[in-house]
Amino acid sequence: MEDKKILTINKLDGTTEEVEEVISFEFNDTKKRYVVYTKNEVDQNGNVTIYVTEVVKDAQGTRFLGVSTDEEWARIKDVLRKLAKKEEA
């Protein structure tokens, strides 16, 4: 059985939230790193909801910045589709 990786998110309102990392990856050309995580919420169709955010580590610590452009979303969706196909094989 695979160990779950739990991340703690410090929210803007000062509270924290624990989430489970699904996968993280970095684009070679931009060096931007992303993490896909879940709160293990299930939607009305029985699917587990996932979230994606850019992760930046700098002098301020580790921060989640979200995804800011449609181009980033398109690339991230491509990665997720490829990962899903690998899982099906």
PDB file of N, CA and C in Angstrom:
ATOM      1  N   MET A   1       0.839  -1.191   0.000  1.00  0.00           N
ATOM      2  CA  MET A   1       0.000   0.000   0.000  1.00  0.00           C
ATOM      3  C   MET A   1       0.879   1.249   0.000  1.00  0.00           C
ATOM      4  N   GLU A   2       0.501   2.213  -0.785  1.00  0.00           N
ATOM      5  CA  GLU A   2       1.282   3.435  -0.926  1.00  0.00           C
ATOM      6  C   GLU A   2       0.984   4.395   0.224  1.00  0.00           C
ATOM      7  N   ASP A   3       2.030   5.016   0.760  1.00  0.00           N
ATOM      8  CA  ASP A   3       1.850   5.995   1.826  1.00  0.00           C
ATOM      9  C   ASP A   3       1.264   7.275   1.251  1.00  0.00           C
ATOM     10  N   LYS A   4       0.343   7.876   1.995  1.00  0.00           N
ATOM     11  CA  LYS A   4      -0.237   9.142   1.583  1.00  0.00           C
ATOM     12  C   LYS A   4       0.686  10.278   2.006  1.00  0.00           C
ATOM     13  N   LYS A   5       0.826  11.263   1.131  1.00  0.00           N
ATOM     14  CA  LYS A   5       1.614  12.441   1.477  1.00  0.00           C
ATOM     15  C   LYS A   5       0.632  13.556   1.837  1.00  0.00           C
ATOM     16  N   ILE A   6       0.673  13.991   3.077  1.00  0.00           N
ATOM     17  CA  ILE A   6      -0.229  15.026   3.567  1.00  0.00           C
ATOM     18  C   ILE A   6       0.484  16.378   3.530  1.00  0.00           C
ATOM     19  N   LEU A   7      -0.179  17.375   2.961  1.00  0.00           N
ATOM     20  CA  LEU A   7       0.337  18.730   2.888  1.00  0.00           C
ATOM     21  C   LEU A   7      -0.509  19.618   3.794  1.00  0.00           C
ATOM     22  N   THR A   8       0.110  20.571   4.435  1.00  0.00           N
ATOM     23  CA  THR A   8      -0.615  21.540   5.241  1.00  0.00           C
ATOM     24  C   THR A   8      -0.609  22.875   4.513  1.00  0.00           C
ATOM     25  N   ILE A   9      -1.799  23.391   4.270  1.00  0.00           N
ATOM     26  CA  ILE A   9      -1.960  24.662   3.572  1.00  0.00           C
ATOM     27  C   ILE A   9      -2.280  25.729   4.608  1.00  0.00           C
ATOM     28  N   ASN A  10      -1.499  26.801   4.601  1.00  0.00           N
ATOM     29  CA  ASN A  10      -1.789  27.973   5.435  1.00  0.00           C
ATOM     30  C   ASN A  10      -2.642  28.914   4.608  1.00  0.00           C
ATOM     31  N   LYS A  11      -3.883  29.081   5.029  1.00  0.00           N
ATOM     32  CA  LYS A  11      -4.822  29.906   4.277  1.00  0.00           C
ATOM     33  C   LYS A  11      -4.679  31.384   4.659  1.00  0.00           C
ATOM     34  N   LEU A  12      -5.179  32.246   3.798  1.00  0.00           N
ATOM     35  CA  LEU A  12      -5.056  33.686   4.006  1.00  0.00           C
ATOM     36  C   LEU A  12      -5.742  34.161   5.279  1.00  0.00           C
ATOM     37  N   ASP A  13      -6.775  33.440   5.729  1.00  0.00           N
ATOM     38  CA  ASP A  13      -7.489  33.848   6.943  1.00  0.00           C
ATOM     39  C   ASP A  13      -6.783  33.384   8.221  1.00  0.00           C
ATOM     40  N   GLY A  14      -5.595  32.764   8.064  1.00  0.00           N
ATOM     41  CA  GLY A  14      -4.815  32.333   9.220  1.00  0.00           C
ATOM     42  C   GLY A  14      -5.059  30.899   9.652  1.00  0.00           C
ATOM     43  N   THR A  15      -6.050  30.243   9.061  1.00  0.00           N
ATOM     44  CA  THR A  15      -6.315  28.848   9.397  1.00  0.00           C
ATOM     45  C   THR A  15      -5.437  27.936   8.548  1.00  0.00           C
ATOM     46  N   THR A  16      -5.360  26.677   8.941  1.00  0.00           N
ATOM     47  CA  THR A  16      -4.627  25.691   8.153  1.00  0.00           C
ATOM     48  C   THR A  16      -5.577  24.583   7.726  1.00  0.00           C
ATOM     49  N   GLU A  17      -5.191  23.899   6.666  1.00  0.00           N
ATOM     50  CA  GLU A  17      -5.993  22.806   6.137  1.00  0.00           C
ATOM     51  C   GLU A  17      -5.044  21.705   5.684  1.00  0.00           C
ATOM     52  N   GLU A  18      -5.344  20.467   6.053  1.00  0.00           N
ATOM     53  CA  GLU A  18      -4.542  19.341   5.586  1.00  0.00           C
ATOM     54  C   GLU A  18      -5.204  18.733   4.366  1.00  0.00           C
ATOM     55  N   VAL A  19      -4.383  18.503   3.331  1.00  0.00           N
ATOM     56  CA  VAL A  19      -4.852  17.919   2.086  1.00  0.00           C
ATOM     57  C   VAL A  19      -3.908  16.783   1.698  1.00  0.00           C
ATOM     58  N   GLU A  20      -4.352  15.944   0.790  1.00  0.00           N
ATOM     59  CA  GLU A  20      -3.535  14.817   0.340  1.00  0.00           C
ATOM     60  C   GLU A  20      -2.980  15.089  -1.055  1.00  0.00           C
ATOM     61  N   GLU A  21      -1.653  14.994  -1.183  1.00  0.00           N
ATOM     62  CA  GLU A  21      -1.020  15.171  -2.494  1.00  0.00           C
ATOM     63  C   GLU A  21      -1.324  13.964  -3.365  1.00  0.00           C
ATOM     64  N   VAL A  22      -1.748  14.230  -4.591  1.00  0.00           N
ATOM     65  CA  VAL A  22      -1.978  13.167  -5.569  1.00  0.00           C
ATOM     66  C   VAL A  22      -0.702  12.962  -6.369  1.00  0.00           C
ATOM     67  N   ILE A  23      -0.177  14.056  -6.905  1.00  0.00           N
ATOM     68  CA  ILE A  23       1.063  14.014  -7.687  1.00  0.00           C
ATOM     69  C   ILE A  23       1.606  15.438  -7.798  1.00  0.00           C
ATOM     70  N   SER A  24       2.899  15.548  -8.003  1.00  0.00           N
ATOM     71  CA  SER A  24       3.494  16.847  -8.295  1.00  0.00           C
ATOM     72  C   SER A  24       4.395  16.679  -9.512  1.00  0.00           C
ATOM     73  N   PHE A  25       4.570  17.763 -10.245  1.00  0.00           N
ATOM     74  CA  PHE A  25       5.392  17.721 -11.450  1.00  0.00           C
ATOM     75  C   PHE A  25       5.902  19.111 -11.764  1.00  0.00           C
ATOM     76  N   GLU A  26       6.908  19.159 -12.639  1.00  0.00           N
ATOM     77  CA  GLU A  26       7.509  20.425 -13.055  1.00  0.00           C
ATOM     78  C   GLU A  26       7.636  20.422 -14.567  1.00  0.00           C
ATOM     79  N   PHE A  27       7.339  21.551 -15.192  1.00  0.00           N
ATOM     80  CA  PHE A  27       7.557  21.692 -16.622  1.00  0.00           C
ATOM     81  C   PHE A  27       9.025  22.049 -16.844  1.00  0.00           C
ATOM     82  N   ASN A  28       9.685  21.313 -17.706  1.00  0.00           N
ATOM     83  CA  ASN A  28      11.110  21.519 -17.955  1.00  0.00           C
ATOM     84  C   ASN A  28      11.421  22.897 -18.526  1.00  0.00           C
ATOM     85  N   ASP A  29      10.553  23.402 -19.408  1.00  0.00           N
ATOM     86  CA  ASP A  29      10.860  24.670 -20.067  1.00  0.00           C
ATOM     87  C   ASP A  29      10.648  25.888 -19.170  1.00  0.00           C
ATOM     88  N   THR A  30       9.638  25.865 -18.315  1.00  0.00           N
ATOM     89  CA  THR A  30       9.354  27.031 -17.471  1.00  0.00           C
ATOM     90  C   THR A  30       9.897  26.878 -16.051  1.00  0.00           C
ATOM     91  N   LYS A  31      10.236  25.644 -15.692  1.00  0.00           N
ATOM     92  CA  LYS A  31      10.696  25.312 -14.333  1.00  0.00           C
ATOM     93  C   LYS A  31       9.614  25.588 -13.278  1.00  0.00           C
ATOM     94  N   LYS A  32       8.366  25.755 -13.719  1.00  0.00           N
ATOM     95  CA  LYS A  32       7.266  25.934 -12.778  1.00  0.00           C
ATOM     96  C   LYS A  32       6.858  24.563 -12.250  1.00  0.00           C
ATOM     97  N   ARG A  33       6.649  24.503 -10.925  1.00  0.00           N
ATOM     98  CA  ARG A  33       6.285  23.261 -10.261  1.00  0.00           C
ATOM     99  C   ARG A  33       4.822  23.338  -9.828  1.00  0.00           C
ATOM    100  N   TYR A  34       4.116  22.237 -10.020  1.00  0.00           N
ATOM    101  CA  TYR A  34       2.698  22.165  -9.682  1.00  0.00           C
ATOM    102  C   TYR A  34       2.440  20.967  -8.790  1.00  0.00           C
ATOM    103  N   VAL A  35       1.420  21.088  -7.958  1.00  0.00           N
ATOM    104  CA  VAL A  35       0.985  19.965  -7.150  1.00  0.00           C
ATOM    105  C   VAL A  35      -0.517  19.777  -7.380  1.00  0.00           C
ATOM    106  N   VAL A  36      -0.892  18.518  -7.543  1.00  0.00           N
ATOM    107  CA  VAL A  36      -2.290  18.133  -7.645  1.00  0.00           C
ATOM    108  C   VAL A  36      -2.645  17.524  -6.300  1.00  0.00           C
ATOM    109  N   TYR A  37      -3.711  18.031  -5.686  1.00  0.00           N
ATOM    110  CA  TYR A  37      -4.081  17.531  -4.363  1.00  0.00           C
ATOM    111  C   TYR A  37      -5.581  17.361  -4.247  1.00  0.00           C
ATOM    112  N   THR A  38      -6.002  16.668  -3.198  1.00  0.00           N
ATOM    113  CA  THR A  38      -7.413  16.436  -2.952  1.00  0.00           C
ATOM    114  C   THR A  38      -7.731  16.644  -1.481  1.00  0.00           C
ATOM    115  N   LYS A  39      -8.971  17.019  -1.241  1.00  0.00           N
ATOM    116  CA  LYS A  39      -9.506  17.093   0.118  1.00  0.00           C
ATOM    117  C   LYS A  39     -10.401  15.875   0.367  1.00  0.00           C
ATOM    118  N   ASN A  40     -10.358  14.925  -0.601  1.00  0.00           N
ATOM    119  CA  ASN A  40     -11.168  13.706  -0.593  1.00  0.00           C
ATOM    120  C   ASN A  40     -12.664  14.005  -0.580  1.00  0.00           C
ATOM    121  N   GLU A  41     -13.035  15.080  -1.279  1.00  0.00           N
ATOM    122  CA  GLU A  41     -14.445  15.418  -1.466  1.00  0.00           C
ATOM    123  C   GLU A  41     -14.961  14.643  -2.674  1.00  0.00           C
ATOM    124  N   VAL A  42     -16.196  14.175  -2.592  1.00  0.00           N
ATOM    125  CA  VAL A  42     -16.795  13.421  -3.687  1.00  0.00           C
ATOM    126  C   VAL A  42     -17.959  14.232  -4.248  1.00  0.00           C
ATOM    127  N   ASP A  43     -17.987  14.385  -5.593  1.00  0.00           N
ATOM    128  CA  ASP A  43     -19.072  15.147  -6.211  1.00  0.00           C
ATOM    129  C   ASP A  43     -20.314  14.268  -6.397  1.00  0.00           C
ATOM    130  N   GLN A  44     -21.372  14.831  -6.986  1.00  0.00           N
ATOM    131  CA  GLN A  44     -22.639  14.111  -7.148  1.00  0.00           C
ATOM    132  C   GLN A  44     -22.522  12.902  -8.066  1.00  0.00           C
ATOM    133  N   ASN A  45     -21.460  12.830  -8.875  1.00  0.00           N
ATOM    134  CA  ASN A  45     -21.246  11.695  -9.775  1.00  0.00           C
ATOM    135  C   ASN A  45     -20.327  10.635  -9.176  1.00  0.00           C
ATOM    136  N   GLY A  46     -19.884  10.853  -7.938  1.00  0.00           N
ATOM    137  CA  GLY A  46     -19.001   9.889  -7.283  1.00  0.00           C
ATOM    138  C   GLY A  46     -17.531  10.083  -7.584  1.00  0.00           C
ATOM    139  N   ASN A  47     -17.178  11.189  -8.237  1.00  0.00           N
ATOM    140  CA  ASN A  47     -15.780  11.481  -8.560  1.00  0.00           C
ATOM    141  C   ASN A  47     -15.133  12.279  -7.431  1.00  0.00           C
ATOM    142  N   VAL A  48     -13.874  11.967  -7.138  1.00  0.00           N
ATOM    143  CA  VAL A  48     -13.130  12.714  -6.130  1.00  0.00           C
ATOM    144  C   VAL A  48     -12.649  14.018  -6.759  1.00  0.00           C
ATOM    145  N   THR A  49     -12.902  15.135  -6.089  1.00  0.00           N
ATOM    146  CA  THR A  49     -12.493  16.448  -6.574  1.00  0.00           C
ATOM    147  C   THR A  49     -10.994  16.629  -6.350  1.00  0.00           C
ATOM    148  N   ILE A  50     -10.306  17.129  -7.393  1.00  0.00           N
ATOM    149  CA  ILE A  50      -8.880  17.434  -7.269  1.00  0.00           C
ATOM    150  C   ILE A  50      -8.668  18.921  -7.515  1.00  0.00           C
ATOM    151  N   TYR A  51      -7.560  19.418  -6.969  1.00  0.00           N
ATOM    152  CA  TYR A  51      -7.178  20.815  -7.102  1.00  0.00           C
ATOM    153  C   TYR A  51      -5.747  20.850  -7.624  1.00  0.00           C
ATOM    154  N   VAL A  52      -5.411  21.919  -8.351  1.00  0.00           N
ATOM    155  CA  VAL A  52      -4.062  22.082  -8.892  1.00  0.00           C
ATOM    156  C   VAL A  52      -3.580  23.481  -8.545  1.00  0.00           C
ATOM    157  N   THR A  53      -2.323  23.581  -8.154  1.00  0.00           N
ATOM    158  CA  THR A  53      -1.746  24.884  -7.842  1.00  0.00           C
ATOM    159  C   THR A  53      -0.270  24.897  -8.179  1.00  0.00           C
ATOM    160  N   GLU A  54       0.209  26.079  -8.533  1.00  0.00           N
ATOM    161  CA  GLU A  54       1.652  26.252  -8.703  1.00  0.00           C
ATOM    162  C   GLU A  54       2.279  26.358  -7.315  1.00  0.00           C
ATOM    163  N   VAL A  55       3.427  25.729  -7.140  1.00  0.00           N
ATOM    164  CA  VAL A  55       4.135  25.763  -5.866  1.00  0.00           C
ATOM    165  C   VAL A  55       5.435  26.539  -6.058  1.00  0.00           C
ATOM    166  N   VAL A  56       5.656  27.522  -5.182  1.00  0.00           N
ATOM    167  CA  VAL A  56       6.875  28.317  -5.232  1.00  0.00           C
ATOM    168  C   VAL A  56       7.555  28.226  -3.874  1.00  0.00           C
ATOM    169  N   LYS A  57       8.844  27.892  -3.904  1.00  0.00           N
ATOM    170  CA  LYS A  57       9.651  27.896  -2.679  1.00  0.00           C
ATOM    171  C   LYS A  57      10.662  29.020  -2.810  1.00  0.00           C
ATOM    172  N   ASP A  58      10.598  29.978  -1.876  1.00  0.00           N
ATOM    173  CA  ASP A  58      11.522  31.101  -1.896  1.00  0.00           C
ATOM    174  C   ASP A  58      11.770  31.579  -0.474  1.00  0.00           C
ATOM    175  N   ALA A  59      12.277  32.778  -0.317  1.00  0.00           N
ATOM    176  CA  ALA A  59      12.608  33.322   1.006  1.00  0.00           C
ATOM    177  C   ALA A  59      11.384  33.426   1.910  1.00  0.00           C
ATOM    178  N   GLN A  60      10.210  33.500   1.322  1.00  0.00           N
ATOM    179  CA  GLN A  60       8.969  33.588   2.096  1.00  0.00           C
ATOM    180  C   GLN A  60       8.449  32.211   2.511  1.00  0.00           C
ATOM    181  N   GLY A  61       9.124  31.151   2.085  1.00  0.00           N
ATOM    182  CA  GLY A  61       8.678  29.791   2.387  1.00  0.00           C
ATOM    183  C   GLY A  61       8.052  29.140   1.173  1.00  0.00           C
ATOM    184  N   THR A  62       7.262  28.120   1.406  1.00  0.00           N
ATOM    185  CA  THR A  62       6.566  27.423   0.328  1.00  0.00           C
ATOM    186  C   THR A  62       5.173  28.014   0.204  1.00  0.00           C
ATOM    187  N   ARG A  63       4.842  28.468  -1.007  1.00  0.00           N
ATOM    188  CA  ARG A  63       3.544  29.104  -1.234  1.00  0.00           C
ATOM    189  C   ARG A  63       2.822  28.446  -2.395  1.00  0.00           C
ATOM    190  N   PHE A  64       1.501  28.357  -2.295  1.00  0.00           N
ATOM    191  CA  PHE A  64       0.644  27.885  -3.375  1.00  0.00           C
ATOM    192  C   PHE A  64       0.070  29.119  -4.061  1.00  0.00           C
ATOM    193  N   LEU A  65       0.326  29.247  -5.365  1.00  0.00           N
ATOM    194  CA  LEU A  65      -0.083  30.449  -6.087  1.00  0.00           C
ATOM    195  C   LEU A  65      -1.303  30.267  -6.978  1.00  0.00           C
ATOM    196  N   GLY A  66      -1.800  29.060  -7.096  1.00  0.00           N
ATOM    197  CA  GLY A  66      -2.909  28.823  -8.012  1.00  0.00           C
ATOM    198  C   GLY A  66      -2.392  28.666  -9.430  1.00  0.00           C
ATOM    199  N   VAL A  67      -3.297  28.730 -10.384  1.00  0.00           N
ATOM    200  CA  VAL A  67      -2.942  28.670 -11.807  1.00  0.00           C
ATOM    201  C   VAL A  67      -3.511  29.931 -12.432  1.00  0.00           C
ATOM    202  N   SER A  68      -2.643  30.720 -13.076  1.00  0.00           N
ATOM    203  CA  SER A  68      -3.063  32.064 -13.473  1.00  0.00           C
ATOM    204  C   SER A  68      -3.473  32.241 -14.924  1.00  0.00           C
ATOM    205  N   THR A  69      -3.077  31.336 -15.819  1.00  0.00           N
ATOM    206  CA  THR A  69      -3.410  31.572 -17.232  1.00  0.00           C
ATOM    207  C   THR A  69      -4.087  30.358 -17.854  1.00  0.00           C
ATOM    208  N   ASP A  70      -4.823  30.617 -18.925  1.00  0.00           N
ATOM    209  CA  ASP A  70      -5.472  29.536 -19.670  1.00  0.00           C
ATOM    210  C   ASP A  70      -4.438  28.600 -20.285  1.00  0.00           C
ATOM    211  N   GLU A  71      -3.279  29.167 -20.677  1.00  0.00           N
ATOM    212  CA  GLU A  71      -2.227  28.344 -21.269  1.00  0.00           C
ATOM    213  C   GLU A  71      -1.686  27.337 -20.244  1.00  0.00           C
ATOM    214  N   GLU A  72      -1.505  27.806 -19.011  1.00  0.00           N
ATOM    215  CA  GLU A  72      -1.065  26.889 -17.952  1.00  0.00           C
ATOM    216  C   GLU A  72      -2.080  25.781 -17.743  1.00  0.00           C
ATOM    217  N   TRP A  73      -3.371  26.163 -17.679  1.00  0.00           N
ATOM    218  CA  TRP A  73      -4.422  25.161 -17.482  1.00  0.00           C
ATOM    219  C   TRP A  73      -4.398  24.124 -18.598  1.00  0.00           C
ATOM    220  N   ALA A  74      -4.235  24.561 -19.825  1.00  0.00           N
ATOM    221  CA  ALA A  74      -4.213  23.638 -20.957  1.00  0.00           C
ATOM    222  C   ALA A  74      -3.067  22.638 -20.817  1.00  0.00           C
ATOM    223  N   ARG A  75      -1.899  23.117 -20.444  1.00  0.00           N
ATOM    224  CA  ARG A  75      -0.739  22.224 -20.276  1.00  0.00           C
ATOM    225  C   ARG A  75      -0.966  21.253 -19.118  1.00  0.00           C
ATOM    226  N   ILE A  76      -1.513  21.751 -18.028  1.00  0.00           N
ATOM    227  CA  ILE A  76      -1.774  20.903 -16.861  1.00  0.00           C
ATOM    228  C   ILE A  76      -2.787  19.819 -17.216  1.00  0.00           C
ATOM    229  N   LYS A  77      -3.840  20.195 -17.937  1.00  0.00           N
ATOM    230  CA  LYS A  77      -4.844  19.206 -18.353  1.00  0.00           C
ATOM    231  C   LYS A  77      -4.214  18.128 -19.222  1.00  0.00           C
ATOM    232  N   ASP A  78      -3.298  18.506 -20.101  1.00  0.00           N
ATOM    233  CA  ASP A  78      -2.598  17.517 -20.934  1.00  0.00           C
ATOM    234  C   ASP A  78      -1.822  16.530 -20.068  1.00  0.00           C
ATOM    235  N   VAL A  79      -1.125  17.033 -19.059  1.00  0.00           N
ATOM    236  CA  VAL A  79      -0.373  16.164 -18.143  1.00  0.00           C
ATOM    237  C   VAL A  79      -1.328  15.206 -17.432  1.00  0.00           C
ATOM    238  N   LEU A  80      -2.437  15.729 -16.934  1.00  0.00           N
ATOM    239  CA  LEU A  80      -3.394  14.892 -16.202  1.00  0.00           C
ATOM    240  C   LEU A  80      -4.015  13.827 -17.107  1.00  0.00           C
ATOM    241  N   ARG A  81      -4.311  14.187 -18.360  1.00  0.00           N
ATOM    242  CA  ARG A  81      -4.848  13.196 -19.309  1.00  0.00           C
ATOM    243  C   ARG A  81      -3.836  12.074 -19.556  1.00  0.00           C
ATOM    244  N   LYS A  82      -2.570  12.447 -19.743  1.00  0.00           N
ATOM    245  CA  LYS A  82      -1.525  11.444 -19.971  1.00  0.00           C
ATOM    246  C   LYS A  82      -1.366  10.535 -18.763  1.00  0.00           C
ATOM    247  N   LEU A  83      -1.412  11.108 -17.564  1.00  0.00           N
ATOM    248  CA  LEU A  83      -1.304  10.300 -16.351  1.00  0.00           C
ATOM    249  C   LEU A  83      -2.490   9.356 -16.200  1.00  0.00           C
ATOM    250  N   ALA A  84      -3.676   9.830 -16.548  1.00  0.00           N
ATOM    251  CA  ALA A  84      -4.867   8.990 -16.456  1.00  0.00           C
ATOM    252  C   ALA A  84      -4.769   7.823 -17.428  1.00  0.00           C
ATOM    253  N   LYS A  85      -4.263   8.072 -18.642  1.00  0.00           N
ATOM    254  CA  LYS A  85      -4.110   6.993 -19.619  1.00  0.00           C
ATOM    255  C   LYS A  85      -3.109   5.956 -19.155  1.00  0.00           C
ATOM    256  N   LYS A  86      -2.004   6.400 -18.486  1.00  0.00           N
ATOM    257  CA  LYS A  86      -1.017   5.463 -17.952  1.00  0.00           C
ATOM    258  C   LYS A  86      -1.649   4.578 -16.895  1.00  0.00           C
ATOM    259  N   GLU A  87      -2.507   5.156 -16.055  1.00  0.00           N
ATOM    260  CA  GLU A  87      -3.161   4.400 -14.990  1.00  0.00           C
ATOM    261  C   GLU A  87      -4.098   3.348 -15.559  1.00  0.00           C
ATOM    262  N   GLU A  88      -4.733   3.659 -16.697  1.00  0.00           N
ATOM    263  CA  GLU A  88      -5.669   2.713 -17.324  1.00  0.00           C
ATOM    264  C   GLU A  88      -4.935   1.545 -17.954  1.00  0.00           C
ATOM    265  N   ALA A  89      -3.705   1.744 -18.387  1.00  0.00           N
ATOM    266  CA  ALA A  89      -2.937   0.698 -19.090  1.00  0.00           C
ATOM    267  C   ALA A  89      -2.485  -0.398 -18.144  1.00  0.00           C
TER     268      ALA A  89
END
